[in-house]
Amino acid sequence: MEHEFTVSLIGNPNTGKSTLFNLLTGLNQHTGNWCGKTVCAAEGTFTYQKDKFTIIDLPGIYSMFPKSKDEETSVHFIHHCKTDATVIVLDASLLERNLILALQIIEATNNAIVCINLMDEAIKKNIFIDLKMLENLLGVAVIGISARNNVGIDEFKQLVSNVCSNSRLVDTDDKKMKNTLTELIKKSDTIYKKAVSIKTDTPHTFDRTLDSIITSRKFGIPIMLL
């Protein structure tokens, strides 16, 4: 084994974070204590290019202002435990909502990676994300994946490896959010509008309306007779 790195997974509930954790670690999982006995979280390992990565799957949170014990656990970890990278898992189909938390974590930690999961679901909903634009606007590495379909996982591992190899373990105790929640909401809205586009079926609306008229009981038969 050449190097050993520690990576934390954090994000809103139901973003597929644990699916990604299970995919990466398989059966190499257990519960570990971090920062003394204060934080207890799922822990697993995987290897990539001879390096060993320990993954900490933190409880899902909605905000860096905790309102539950699980959220307190995750926020405590982010502020007081040192990792080589912090992976922020977001739902591609709910990106506008998830971005607020991502901005909070980026301000509060170091070596962040934004992982956009459920990219397949977003495409089904005609939601298209410019990952490069998002990366430039957030100022951190961004990657799109679909954990449940095992899409983009090799690229994800490579990105994590690159970030960890160039990271420095920095104490985040003194890192505080520079922006208020209101400012972060405005910022996330601006970023979303620049990086995300939603395509509608507007060009086909006339055709569908015409089809509904022609095939209807009221107009279909008279039109056919004519």
C-alpha atoms as a PDB file:
ATOM      1  CA  MET A   1       0.000   0.000   0.000  1.00  0.00           C
ATOM      2  CA  GLU A   2       1.555   3.303  -1.080  1.00  0.00           C
ATOM      3  CA  HIS A   3      -0.600   5.930   0.645  1.00  0.00           C
ATOM      4  CA  GLU A   4      -3.595   6.046   2.975  1.00  0.00           C
ATOM      5  CA  PHE A   5      -6.236   8.779   2.807  1.00  0.00           C
ATOM      6  CA  THR A   6      -9.405   9.631   4.714  1.00  0.00           C
ATOM      7  CA  VAL A   7     -12.497  10.954   2.917  1.00  0.00           C
ATOM      8  CA  SER A   8     -15.845  12.040   4.359  1.00  0.00           C
ATOM      9  CA  LEU A   9     -19.226  11.802   2.568  1.00  0.00           C
ATOM     10  CA  ILE A  10     -21.803  14.449   3.455  1.00  0.00           C
ATOM     11  CA  GLY A  11     -25.039  15.734   1.914  1.00  0.00           C
ATOM     12  CA  ASN A  12     -28.781  16.145   2.218  1.00  0.00           C
ATOM     13  CA  PRO A  13     -30.799  13.016   3.060  1.00  0.00           C
ATOM     14  CA  ASN A  14     -31.952  10.956   0.056  1.00  0.00           C
ATOM     15  CA  THR A  15     -29.199  12.093  -2.309  1.00  0.00           C
ATOM     16  CA  GLY A  16     -27.869   8.542  -2.735  1.00  0.00           C
ATOM     17  CA  LYS A  17     -24.924   9.158  -0.427  1.00  0.00           C
ATOM     18  CA  SER A  18     -25.168   5.783   1.288  1.00  0.00           C
ATOM     19  CA  THR A  19     -25.634   4.050  -2.077  1.00  0.00           C
ATOM     20  CA  LEU A  20     -22.318   5.543  -3.163  1.00  0.00           C
ATOM     21  CA  PHE A  21     -20.720   4.523   0.141  1.00  0.00           C
ATOM     22  CA  ASN A  22     -21.915   0.918  -0.235  1.00  0.00           C
ATOM     23  CA  LEU A  23     -20.776   0.768  -3.850  1.00  0.00           C
ATOM     24  CA  LEU A  24     -17.287   2.005  -2.964  1.00  0.00           C
ATOM     25  CA  THR A  25     -16.725  -0.054   0.169  1.00  0.00           C
ATOM     26  CA  GLY A  26     -18.719  -3.261  -0.420  1.00  0.00           C
ATOM     27  CA  LEU A  27     -18.351  -5.506   2.627  1.00  0.00           C
ATOM     28  CA  ASN A  28     -15.429  -3.506   4.028  1.00  0.00           C
ATOM     29  CA  GLN A  29     -17.637  -1.577   6.447  1.00  0.00           C
ATOM     30  CA  HIS A  30     -18.001  -1.050  10.174  1.00  0.00           C
ATOM     31  CA  THR A  31     -18.944   1.665  12.661  1.00  0.00           C
ATOM     32  CA  GLY A  32     -16.113   3.871  13.864  1.00  0.00           C
ATOM     33  CA  ASN A  33     -15.591   6.556  16.494  1.00  0.00           C
ATOM     34  CA  TRP A  34     -14.026   9.823  15.403  1.00  0.00           C
ATOM     35  CA  CYS A  35     -12.650  12.788  17.338  1.00  0.00           C
ATOM     36  CA  GLY A  36     -12.622  10.839  20.573  1.00  0.00           C
ATOM     37  CA  LYS A  37     -16.011   9.302  21.406  1.00  0.00           C
ATOM     38  CA  THR A  38     -18.027  12.277  20.138  1.00  0.00           C
ATOM     39  CA  VAL A  39     -18.766  11.227  16.575  1.00  0.00           C
ATOM     40  CA  CYS A  40     -19.939   7.776  15.528  1.00  0.00           C
ATOM     41  CA  ALA A  41     -20.348   7.118  11.792  1.00  0.00           C
ATOM     42  CA  ALA A  42     -20.256   4.340   9.220  1.00  0.00           C
ATOM     43  CA  GLU A  43     -16.749   3.669   8.002  1.00  0.00           C
ATOM     44  CA  GLY A  44     -15.466   1.652   5.051  1.00  0.00           C
ATOM     45  CA  THR A  45     -12.441   1.276   2.815  1.00  0.00           C
ATOM     46  CA  PHE A  46     -11.538   0.811  -0.829  1.00  0.00           C
ATOM     47  CA  THR A  47      -8.286   0.757  -2.757  1.00  0.00           C
ATOM     48  CA  TYR A  48      -7.461   2.588  -5.942  1.00  0.00           C
ATOM     49  CA  GLN A  49      -4.133   2.506  -7.753  1.00  0.00           C
ATOM     50  CA  LYS A  50      -2.435   0.937  -4.716  1.00  0.00           C
ATOM     51  CA  ASP A  51      -3.702   3.676  -2.376  1.00  0.00           C
ATOM     52  CA  LYS A  52      -6.097   2.933   0.492  1.00  0.00           C
ATOM     53  CA  PHE A  53      -9.080   5.224   1.099  1.00  0.00           C
ATOM     54  CA  THR A  54     -11.061   5.217   4.334  1.00  0.00           C
ATOM     55  CA  ILE A  55     -14.572   6.570   3.723  1.00  0.00           C
ATOM     56  CA  ILE A  56     -16.666   8.094   6.517  1.00  0.00           C
ATOM     57  CA  ASP A  57     -20.409   8.110   5.701  1.00  0.00           C
ATOM     58  CA  LEU A  58     -21.829  10.923   7.840  1.00  0.00           C
ATOM     59  CA  PRO A  59     -25.557  11.231   8.652  1.00  0.00           C
ATOM     60  CA  GLY A  60     -27.454  13.344   6.122  1.00  0.00           C
ATOM     61  CA  ILE A  61     -28.028  16.984   7.028  1.00  0.00           C
ATOM     62  CA  TYR A  62     -30.145  19.829   5.685  1.00  0.00           C
ATOM     63  CA  SER A  63     -28.002  22.646   7.022  1.00  0.00           C
ATOM     64  CA  MET A  64     -24.825  23.481   8.896  1.00  0.00           C
ATOM     65  CA  PHE A  65     -27.142  24.837  11.591  1.00  0.00           C
ATOM     66  CA  PRO A  66     -28.080  21.492  13.222  1.00  0.00           C
ATOM     67  CA  LYS A  67     -31.578  20.796  14.502  1.00  0.00           C
ATOM     68  CA  SER A  68     -31.194  17.099  15.359  1.00  0.00           C
ATOM     69  CA  LYS A  69     -28.653  14.799  16.982  1.00  0.00           C
ATOM     70  CA  ASP A  70     -27.657  13.315  13.617  1.00  0.00           C
ATOM     71  CA  GLU A  71     -27.066  16.772  12.176  1.00  0.00           C
ATOM     72  CA  GLU A  72     -25.011  17.735  15.232  1.00  0.00           C
ATOM     73  CA  THR A  73     -22.854  14.645  14.651  1.00  0.00           C
ATOM     74  CA  SER A  74     -22.126  15.577  11.043  1.00  0.00           C
ATOM     75  CA  VAL A  75     -21.544  19.273  11.702  1.00  0.00           C
ATOM     76  CA  HIS A  76     -19.207  18.425  14.599  1.00  0.00           C
ATOM     77  CA  PHE A  77     -17.224  16.121  12.312  1.00  0.00           C
ATOM     78  CA  ILE A  78     -16.927  18.734   9.570  1.00  0.00           C
ATOM     79  CA  HIS A  79     -15.693  21.380  12.008  1.00  0.00           C
ATOM     80  CA  HIS A  80     -13.362  19.298  14.162  1.00  0.00           C
ATOM     81  CA  CYS A  81     -12.181  16.191  12.281  1.00  0.00           C
ATOM     82  CA  LYS A  82      -9.456  16.317   9.665  1.00  0.00           C
ATOM     83  CA  THR A  83      -9.866  14.500   6.342  1.00  0.00           C
ATOM     84  CA  ASP A  84      -7.975  14.588   3.056  1.00  0.00           C
ATOM     85  CA  ALA A  85     -11.166  15.370   1.143  1.00  0.00           C
ATOM     86  CA  THR A  86     -14.815  16.152   1.844  1.00  0.00           C
ATOM     87  CA  VAL A  87     -17.231  14.798  -0.774  1.00  0.00           C
ATOM     88  CA  ILE A  88     -20.529  16.714  -0.871  1.00  0.00           C
ATOM     89  CA  VAL A  89     -23.174  14.499  -2.505  1.00  0.00           C
ATOM     90  CA  LEU A  90     -26.009  16.369  -4.228  1.00  0.00           C
ATOM     91  CA  ASP A  91     -29.164  15.238  -6.035  1.00  0.00           C
ATOM     92  CA  ALA A  92     -28.985  16.347  -9.684  1.00  0.00           C
ATOM     93  CA  SER A  93     -32.776  16.651  -9.908  1.00  0.00           C
ATOM     94  CA  LEU A  94     -32.980  18.826  -6.764  1.00  0.00           C
ATOM     95  CA  LEU A  95     -29.803  20.795  -7.273  1.00  0.00           C
ATOM     96  CA  GLU A  96     -31.236  24.232  -6.493  1.00  0.00           C
ATOM     97  CA  ARG A  97     -32.156  23.096  -2.969  1.00  0.00           C
ATOM     98  CA  ASN A  98     -28.956  21.088  -2.404  1.00  0.00           C
ATOM     99  CA  LEU A  99     -26.618  23.893  -3.475  1.00  0.00           C
ATOM    100  CA  ILE A 100     -27.328  25.902  -0.318  1.00  0.00           C
ATOM    101  CA  LEU A 101     -25.839  23.158   1.852  1.00  0.00           C
ATOM    102  CA  ALA A 102     -22.935  22.696  -0.563  1.00  0.00           C
ATOM    103  CA  LEU A 103     -22.003  26.369  -0.259  1.00  0.00           C
ATOM    104  CA  GLN A 104     -22.109  26.140   3.533  1.00  0.00           C
ATOM    105  CA  ILE A 105     -19.814  23.103   3.605  1.00  0.00           C
ATOM    106  CA  ILE A 106     -17.394  24.565   1.056  1.00  0.00           C
ATOM    107  CA  GLU A 107     -16.953  27.581   3.347  1.00  0.00           C
ATOM    108  CA  ALA A 108     -16.522  25.410   6.447  1.00  0.00           C
ATOM    109  CA  THR A 109     -14.068  22.812   5.170  1.00  0.00           C
ATOM    110  CA  ASN A 110     -11.064  22.200   2.937  1.00  0.00           C
ATOM    111  CA  ASN A 111     -10.451  20.068  -0.160  1.00  0.00           C
ATOM    112  CA  ALA A 112     -14.141  19.790  -1.042  1.00  0.00           C
ATOM    113  CA  ILE A 113     -15.462  17.765  -3.977  1.00  0.00           C
ATOM    114  CA  VAL A 114     -19.016  18.266  -5.214  1.00  0.00           C
ATOM    115  CA  CYS A 115     -20.457  14.967  -6.436  1.00  0.00           C
ATOM    116  CA  ILE A 116     -23.671  15.346  -8.440  1.00  0.00           C
ATOM    117  CA  ASN A 117     -25.508  12.025  -8.077  1.00  0.00           C
ATOM    118  CA  LEU A 118     -28.653  10.783  -9.861  1.00  0.00           C
ATOM    119  CA  MET A 119     -27.635  12.375 -13.149  1.00  0.00           C
ATOM    120  CA  ASP A 120     -29.839   9.824 -14.957  1.00  0.00           C
ATOM    121  CA  GLU A 121     -32.919  11.034 -13.059  1.00  0.00           C
ATOM    122  CA  ALA A 122     -32.169  14.638 -13.981  1.00  0.00           C
ATOM    123  CA  ILE A 123     -31.933  13.764 -17.673  1.00  0.00           C
ATOM    124  CA  LYS A 124     -35.303  11.977 -17.481  1.00  0.00           C
ATOM    125  CA  LYS A 125     -36.753  15.233 -16.146  1.00  0.00           C
ATOM    126  CA  ASN A 126     -35.064  17.226 -18.928  1.00  0.00           C
ATOM    127  CA  ILE A 127     -32.677  18.850 -16.450  1.00  0.00           C
ATOM    128  CA  PHE A 128     -29.204  19.430 -17.879  1.00  0.00           C
ATOM    129  CA  ILE A 129     -26.246  20.511 -15.732  1.00  0.00           C
ATOM    130  CA  ASP A 130     -23.132  22.217 -17.062  1.00  0.00           C
ATOM    131  CA  LEU A 131     -20.625  20.548 -14.744  1.00  0.00           C
ATOM    132  CA  LYS A 132     -17.698  22.685 -15.912  1.00  0.00           C
ATOM    133  CA  MET A 133     -19.656  25.881 -15.351  1.00  0.00           C
ATOM    134  CA  LEU A 134     -20.698  24.642 -11.917  1.00  0.00           C
ATOM    135  CA  GLU A 135     -17.085  23.835 -11.083  1.00  0.00           C
ATOM    136  CA  ASN A 136     -15.981  27.342 -12.047  1.00  0.00           C
ATOM    137  CA  LEU A 137     -18.764  29.003 -10.070  1.00  0.00           C
ATOM    138  CA  LEU A 138     -18.240  26.918  -6.915  1.00  0.00           C
ATOM    139  CA  GLY A 139     -14.457  26.989  -7.065  1.00  0.00           C
ATOM    140  CA  VAL A 140     -14.104  23.278  -6.225  1.00  0.00           C
ATOM    141  CA  ALA A 141     -13.909  20.025  -8.187  1.00  0.00           C
ATOM    142  CA  VAL A 142     -17.270  18.808  -9.536  1.00  0.00           C
ATOM    143  CA  ILE A 143     -18.214  15.415 -10.983  1.00  0.00           C
ATOM    144  CA  GLY A 144     -21.482  13.847 -12.153  1.00  0.00           C
ATOM    145  CA  ILE A 145     -22.360  10.200 -11.404  1.00  0.00           C
ATOM    146  CA  SER A 146     -25.189   7.712 -11.050  1.00  0.00           C
ATOM    147  CA  ALA A 147     -24.236   5.527  -8.092  1.00  0.00           C
ATOM    148  CA  ARG A 148     -27.090   3.032  -8.402  1.00  0.00           C
ATOM    149  CA  ASN A 149     -26.162   2.385 -12.056  1.00  0.00           C
ATOM    150  CA  ASN A 150     -22.408   2.403 -11.394  1.00  0.00           C
ATOM    151  CA  VAL A 151     -21.909   5.248 -13.872  1.00  0.00           C
ATOM    152  CA  GLY A 152     -18.953   7.596 -13.441  1.00  0.00           C
ATOM    153  CA  ILE A 153     -17.521   5.719 -10.450  1.00  0.00           C
ATOM    154  CA  ASP A 154     -14.060   5.158 -11.947  1.00  0.00           C
ATOM    155  CA  GLU A 155     -13.841   8.862 -12.775  1.00  0.00           C
ATOM    156  CA  PHE A 156     -15.029   9.652  -9.256  1.00  0.00           C
ATOM    157  CA  LYS A 157     -12.269   7.512  -7.722  1.00  0.00           C
ATOM    158  CA  GLN A 158      -9.660   9.180  -9.912  1.00  0.00           C
ATOM    159  CA  LEU A 159     -10.874  12.647  -8.872  1.00  0.00           C
ATOM    160  CA  VAL A 160     -10.850  11.708  -5.174  1.00  0.00           C
ATOM    161  CA  SER A 161      -7.342  10.319  -5.596  1.00  0.00           C
ATOM    162  CA  ASN A 162      -6.140  13.522  -7.281  1.00  0.00           C
ATOM    163  CA  VAL A 163      -7.631  15.793  -4.605  1.00  0.00           C
ATOM    164  CA  CYS A 164      -6.325  13.674  -1.730  1.00  0.00           C
ATOM    165  CA  SER A 165      -2.835  13.451  -3.231  1.00  0.00           C
ATOM    166  CA  ASN A 166      -2.634  17.243  -3.389  1.00  0.00           C
ATOM    167  CA  SER A 167      -4.368  17.996  -0.100  1.00  0.00           C
ATOM    168  CA  ARG A 168      -2.956  19.262   3.157  1.00  0.00           C
ATOM    169  CA  LEU A 169      -4.610  18.282   6.431  1.00  0.00           C
ATOM    170  CA  VAL A 170      -5.700  21.683   7.705  1.00  0.00           C
ATOM    171  CA  ASP A 171      -7.454  22.299  10.997  1.00  0.00           C
ATOM    172  CA  THR A 172     -10.956  23.600  10.240  1.00  0.00           C
ATOM    173  CA  ASP A 173     -11.786  24.622  13.821  1.00  0.00           C
ATOM    174  CA  ASP A 174     -11.323  28.281  12.997  1.00  0.00           C
ATOM    175  CA  LYS A 175     -13.065  28.208   9.619  1.00  0.00           C
ATOM    176  CA  LYS A 176     -16.353  30.081   9.756  1.00  0.00           C
ATOM    177  CA  MET A 177     -18.969  30.820   7.151  1.00  0.00           C
ATOM    178  CA  LYS A 178     -18.362  34.247   5.659  1.00  0.00           C
ATOM    179  CA  ASN A 179     -21.853  34.669   4.198  1.00  0.00           C
ATOM    180  CA  THR A 180     -25.216  34.777   5.939  1.00  0.00           C
ATOM    181  CA  LEU A 181     -27.838  32.178   5.068  1.00  0.00           C
ATOM    182  CA  THR A 182     -29.750  34.793   3.062  1.00  0.00           C
ATOM    183  CA  GLU A 183     -26.620  35.584   1.047  1.00  0.00           C
ATOM    184  CA  LEU A 184     -25.980  31.881   0.441  1.00  0.00           C
ATOM    185  CA  ILE A 185     -29.541  31.378  -0.813  1.00  0.00           C
ATOM    186  CA  LYS A 186     -29.100  34.248  -3.281  1.00  0.00           C
ATOM    187  CA  LYS A 187     -25.728  32.880  -4.364  1.00  0.00           C
ATOM    188  CA  SER A 188     -27.103  29.365  -4.897  1.00  0.00           C
ATOM    189  CA  ASP A 189     -29.965  30.779  -6.972  1.00  0.00           C
ATOM    190  CA  THR A 190     -27.511  32.680  -9.198  1.00  0.00           C
ATOM    191  CA  ILE A 191     -25.289  29.615  -9.632  1.00  0.00           C
ATOM    192  CA  TYR A 192     -28.262  27.386 -10.422  1.00  0.00           C
ATOM    193  CA  LYS A 193     -29.565  29.712 -13.127  1.00  0.00           C
ATOM    194  CA  LYS A 194     -26.146  29.879 -14.791  1.00  0.00           C
ATOM    195  CA  ALA A 195     -25.260  26.169 -14.622  1.00  0.00           C
ATOM    196  CA  VAL A 196     -28.630  24.423 -15.074  1.00  0.00           C
ATOM    197  CA  SER A 197     -31.032  24.405 -17.992  1.00  0.00           C
ATOM    198  CA  ILE A 198     -34.439  22.764 -18.157  1.00  0.00           C
ATOM    199  CA  LYS A 199     -35.723  21.820 -21.582  1.00  0.00           C
ATOM    200  CA  THR A 200     -39.478  21.768 -22.067  1.00  0.00           C
ATOM    201  CA  ASP A 201     -41.638  20.090 -24.684  1.00  0.00           C
ATOM    202  CA  THR A 202     -42.870  23.437 -26.004  1.00  0.00           C
ATOM    203  CA  PRO A 203     -41.916  22.737 -29.679  1.00  0.00           C
ATOM    204  CA  HIS A 204     -44.159  19.675 -29.652  1.00  0.00           C
ATOM    205  CA  THR A 205     -47.118  21.277 -27.880  1.00  0.00           C
ATOM    206  CA  PHE A 206     -48.978  22.147 -31.136  1.00  0.00           C
ATOM    207  CA  ASP A 207     -48.563  18.628 -32.534  1.00  0.00           C
ATOM    208  CA  ARG A 208     -49.840  17.055 -29.328  1.00  0.00           C
ATOM    209  CA  THR A 209     -52.821  19.415 -29.201  1.00  0.00           C
ATOM    210  CA  LEU A 210     -53.674  18.607 -32.824  1.00  0.00           C
ATOM    211  CA  ASP A 211     -53.415  14.861 -32.144  1.00  0.00           C
ATOM    212  CA  SER A 212     -55.761  15.139 -29.155  1.00  0.00           C
ATOM    213  CA  ILE A 213     -58.378  16.910 -31.286  1.00  0.00           C
ATOM    214  CA  ILE A 214     -58.163  14.511 -34.224  1.00  0.00           C
ATOM    215  CA  THR A 215     -58.406  11.422 -32.025  1.00  0.00           C
ATOM    216  CA  SER A 216     -61.160  12.746 -29.760  1.00  0.00           C
ATOM    217  CA  ARG A 217     -64.711  11.327 -29.912  1.00  0.00           C
ATOM    218  CA  LYS A 218     -66.259  14.761 -30.410  1.00  0.00           C
ATOM    219  CA  PHE A 219     -64.166  15.934 -33.376  1.00  0.00           C
ATOM    220  CA  GLY A 220     -62.466  12.784 -34.648  1.00  0.00           C
ATOM    221  CA  ILE A 221     -65.376  11.264 -36.640  1.00  0.00           C
ATOM    222  CA  PRO A 222     -66.541  14.549 -38.314  1.00  0.00           C
ATOM    223  CA  ILE A 223     -62.926  15.319 -39.302  1.00  0.00           C
ATOM    224  CA  MET A 224     -62.549  11.804 -40.734  1.00  0.00           C
ATOM    225  CA  LEU A 225     -65.806  12.161 -42.754  1.00  0.00           C
ATOM    226  CA  LEU A 226     -64.685  15.525 -44.091  1.00  0.00           C
END
